[in-house]
Amino acid sequence: MKEKSLFSLKGALVIELAHAGVPFERQKVYPLYYKGELAGAYIADLVVDNSIILELKSVKALGSTMEAQLINYLRLSGVPVGYLLNFRNTRVEWKRFVHQRE
């Protein structure tokens, strides 16, 4: 089987969301502040309707570093739900994360 390109799959997903009329933002930047100063930023792949972050990967297996990345996006953004999606294998692998505000 020919390996799928993450860029073509991400593009196809964006087209499907647009055709379905689902609001989304690509490469949404969430600034990261430390002691009141801008220290960097997180960039989420896709944010759907300001309520779901989709972090798209094309790797052999999802790992704990990728999970931590998405959890940090959820904490920083205030977005309640995130999905880590892996398009590399014959079936799409996904994990759902929910951030409970304190």
Protein backbone atom coordinates (compact mmCIF):
# COMPACT_ATOMS: atom_id res chain seq x y z
CA MET A 1 0.00 0.00 0.00
CA LYS A 2 1.31 3.44 -0.90
CA GLU A 3 1.88 5.64 2.17
CA LYS A 4 -0.58 8.50 2.50
CA SER A 5 0.67 12.05 2.83
CA LEU A 6 -0.50 13.81 5.98
CA PHE A 7 -0.76 17.03 4.00
CA SER A 8 -3.21 15.54 1.49
CA LEU A 9 -5.27 13.96 4.27
CA LYS A 10 -5.32 17.20 6.24
CA GLY A 11 -6.37 19.03 3.07
CA ALA A 12 -9.13 16.50 2.42
CA LEU A 13 -10.39 16.86 6.00
CA VAL A 14 -10.44 20.66 5.64
CA ILE A 15 -12.41 20.36 2.38
CA GLU A 16 -14.94 18.03 4.04
CA LEU A 17 -15.40 20.40 6.99
CA ALA A 18 -15.87 23.36 4.63
CA HIS A 19 -18.39 21.49 2.45
CA ALA A 20 -20.34 20.47 5.54
CA GLY A 21 -20.47 24.09 6.71
CA VAL A 22 -18.54 23.30 9.89
CA PRO A 23 -16.61 26.32 11.20
CA PHE A 24 -12.90 25.67 11.76
CA GLU A 25 -9.50 27.36 11.92
CA ARG A 26 -6.23 25.93 10.60
CA GLN A 27 -2.94 26.39 12.45
CA LYS A 28 -4.57 28.35 15.30
CA VAL A 29 -1.95 30.02 17.48
CA TYR A 30 -2.30 30.01 21.26
CA PRO A 31 0.24 32.35 22.90
CA LEU A 32 2.10 31.07 25.95
CA TYR A 33 2.90 33.57 28.71
CA TYR A 34 5.34 33.19 31.56
CA LYS A 35 5.38 35.79 34.34
CA GLY A 36 3.29 38.07 32.17
CA GLU A 37 5.63 37.92 29.18
CA LEU A 38 5.17 36.14 25.89
CA ALA A 39 7.37 33.01 26.10
CA GLY A 40 6.21 31.22 22.96
CA ALA A 41 3.14 29.72 21.40
CA TYR A 42 1.37 26.47 20.67
CA ILE A 43 -0.03 25.97 17.18
CA ALA A 44 -2.99 23.60 16.92
CA ASP A 45 -3.50 21.86 13.56
CA LEU A 46 -7.28 22.36 13.41
CA VAL A 47 -9.77 23.90 15.82
CA VAL A 48 -13.36 22.99 15.02
CA ASP A 49 -16.08 25.45 16.10
CA ASN A 50 -13.85 26.70 18.94
CA SER A 51 -14.79 23.52 20.83
CA ILE A 52 -12.58 20.70 19.51
CA ILE A 53 -8.87 20.61 18.76
CA LEU A 54 -7.79 18.08 16.12
CA GLU A 55 -4.09 17.27 16.28
CA LEU A 56 -3.15 15.35 13.14
CA LYS A 57 -0.20 12.96 12.92
CA SER A 58 1.31 10.50 10.47
CA VAL A 59 3.46 8.24 12.66
CA LYS A 60 3.90 4.51 13.30
CA ALA A 61 2.28 4.87 16.73
CA LEU A 62 0.92 7.65 18.90
CA GLY A 63 3.09 8.35 21.93
CA SER A 64 2.89 9.98 25.34
CA THR A 65 4.71 13.11 24.09
CA MET A 66 1.97 13.67 21.49
CA GLU A 67 -0.70 13.14 24.15
CA ALA A 68 1.01 15.66 26.46
CA GLN A 69 1.16 18.15 23.58
CA LEU A 70 -2.59 17.93 23.03
CA ILE A 71 -3.36 18.12 26.75
CA ASN A 72 -1.24 21.30 26.95
CA TYR A 73 -3.17 22.76 24.00
CA LEU A 74 -6.45 22.06 25.80
CA ARG A 75 -5.25 23.63 29.06
CA LEU A 76 -3.84 26.70 27.36
CA SER A 77 -6.73 27.29 24.96
CA GLY A 78 -9.68 26.50 27.22
CA VAL A 79 -11.04 24.28 24.44
CA PRO A 80 -12.74 21.36 26.24
CA VAL A 81 -12.17 18.44 23.84
CA GLY A 82 -9.28 17.27 21.70
CA TYR A 83 -8.61 14.37 19.36
CA LEU A 84 -5.21 13.00 18.50
CA LEU A 85 -5.52 11.42 15.04
CA ASN A 86 -2.95 9.20 13.32
CA PHE A 87 -3.42 8.68 9.58
CA ARG A 88 -0.33 6.59 8.86
CA ASN A 89 -1.63 3.04 9.26
CA THR A 90 -4.32 1.18 7.32
CA ARG A 91 -6.92 2.36 9.83
CA VAL A 92 -7.14 5.79 11.40
CA GLU A 93 -6.01 5.62 15.03
CA TRP A 94 -7.48 8.18 17.40
CA LYS A 95 -7.60 9.14 21.06
CA ARG A 96 -10.02 11.54 22.70
CA PHE A 97 -9.06 13.89 25.52
CA VAL A 98 -11.29 16.05 27.70
CA HIS A 99 -10.02 18.97 29.75
CA GLN A 100 -11.93 19.64 32.94
CA ARG A 101 -11.58 23.23 34.08
CA GLU A 102 -10.64 23.60 37.73
